[in-house]
Amino acid sequence: MRDFLFNLARSREGATAIEYGLIAALIAVAAITAFQAVGSGLSSVFHTIGTKL
């Protein structure tokens, strides 16, 4: 397994795959953070609307 990962990291295709994986992970973290921030705000808005109804 160690040799496979070492060869993957050294090859051009492996480096590209690792870069895409890191970009996908960064986008996922940013999306989760944004959804949490928006989610709490939306919860507050819907709670206010529900209370006024």
C-alpha atoms as a PDB file:
ATOM      1  CA  MET A   1       0.000   0.000   0.000  1.00  0.00           C
ATOM      2  CA  ARG A   2       2.846   2.353   0.871  1.00  0.00           C
ATOM      3  CA  ASP A   3       4.548   1.721  -2.471  1.00  0.00           C
ATOM      4  CA  PHE A   4       1.276   2.310  -4.322  1.00  0.00           C
ATOM      5  CA  LEU A   5       0.772   5.687  -2.634  1.00  0.00           C
ATOM      6  CA  PHE A   6       4.412   6.636  -3.213  1.00  0.00           C
ATOM      7  CA  ASN A   7       4.184   5.791  -6.928  1.00  0.00           C
ATOM      8  CA  LEU A   8       0.833   7.560  -7.196  1.00  0.00           C
ATOM      9  CA  ALA A   9       2.273  10.724  -5.668  1.00  0.00           C
ATOM     10  CA  ARG A  10       5.311  10.635  -7.982  1.00  0.00           C
ATOM     11  CA  SER A  11       3.388  10.152 -11.224  1.00  0.00           C
ATOM     12  CA  ARG A  12       1.847  13.087 -13.065  1.00  0.00           C
ATOM     13  CA  GLU A  13      -1.613  11.508 -13.103  1.00  0.00           C
ATOM     14  CA  GLY A  14      -1.330  10.779  -9.403  1.00  0.00           C
ATOM     15  CA  ALA A  15      -0.363  14.353  -8.632  1.00  0.00           C
ATOM     16  CA  THR A  16      -3.336  15.604 -10.622  1.00  0.00           C
ATOM     17  CA  ALA A  17      -5.667  13.212  -8.808  1.00  0.00           C
ATOM     18  CA  ILE A  18      -4.322  14.357  -5.448  1.00  0.00           C
ATOM     19  CA  GLU A  19      -4.763  18.013  -6.439  1.00  0.00           C
ATOM     20  CA  TYR A  20      -8.363  17.394  -7.494  1.00  0.00           C
ATOM     21  CA  GLY A  21      -8.984  15.586  -4.215  1.00  0.00           C
ATOM     22  CA  LEU A  22      -7.615  18.506  -2.212  1.00  0.00           C
ATOM     23  CA  ILE A  23      -9.709  20.985  -4.198  1.00  0.00           C
ATOM     24  CA  ALA A  24     -12.836  18.873  -3.642  1.00  0.00           C
ATOM     25  CA  ALA A  25     -12.105  18.684   0.094  1.00  0.00           C
ATOM     26  CA  LEU A  26     -11.632  22.464   0.280  1.00  0.00           C
ATOM     27  CA  ILE A  27     -14.911  23.064  -1.557  1.00  0.00           C
ATOM     28  CA  ALA A  28     -16.701  20.623   0.763  1.00  0.00           C
ATOM     29  CA  VAL A  29     -15.387  22.385   3.880  1.00  0.00           C
ATOM     30  CA  ALA A  30     -16.395  25.784   2.476  1.00  0.00           C
ATOM     31  CA  ALA A  31     -19.875  24.497   1.572  1.00  0.00           C
ATOM     32  CA  ILE A  32     -20.432  22.969   5.012  1.00  0.00           C
ATOM     33  CA  THR A  33     -19.350  26.198   6.690  1.00  0.00           C
ATOM     34  CA  ALA A  34     -21.615  28.282   4.456  1.00  0.00           C
ATOM     35  CA  PHE A  35     -24.600  25.975   4.985  1.00  0.00           C
ATOM     36  CA  GLN A  36     -24.158  26.141   8.742  1.00  0.00           C
ATOM     37  CA  ALA A  37     -24.077  29.946   8.687  1.00  0.00           C
ATOM     38  CA  VAL A  38     -27.061  30.213   6.358  1.00  0.00           C
ATOM     39  CA  GLY A  39     -28.936  27.444   8.171  1.00  0.00           C
ATOM     40  CA  SER A  40     -28.960  29.209  11.515  1.00  0.00           C
ATOM     41  CA  GLY A  41     -30.118  32.439   9.869  1.00  0.00           C
ATOM     42  CA  LEU A  42     -32.910  30.665   8.003  1.00  0.00           C
ATOM     43  CA  SER A  43     -33.980  28.878  11.155  1.00  0.00           C
ATOM     44  CA  SER A  44     -34.360  32.228  12.879  1.00  0.00           C
ATOM     45  CA  VAL A  45     -36.382  33.657   9.980  1.00  0.00           C
ATOM     46  CA  PHE A  46     -38.753  30.684   9.849  1.00  0.00           C
ATOM     47  CA  HIS A  47     -39.159  30.738  13.620  1.00  0.00           C
ATOM     48  CA  THR A  48     -40.139  34.420  13.468  1.00  0.00           C
ATOM     49  CA  ILE A  49     -42.593  33.770  10.635  1.00  0.00           C
ATOM     50  CA  GLY A  50     -44.105  30.824  12.501  1.00  0.00           C
ATOM     51  CA  THR A  51     -44.494  32.879  15.662  1.00  0.00           C
ATOM     52  CA  LYS A  52     -46.222  35.740  13.840  1.00  0.00           C
ATOM     53  CA  LEU A  53     -48.619  33.385  12.079  1.00  0.00           C
END
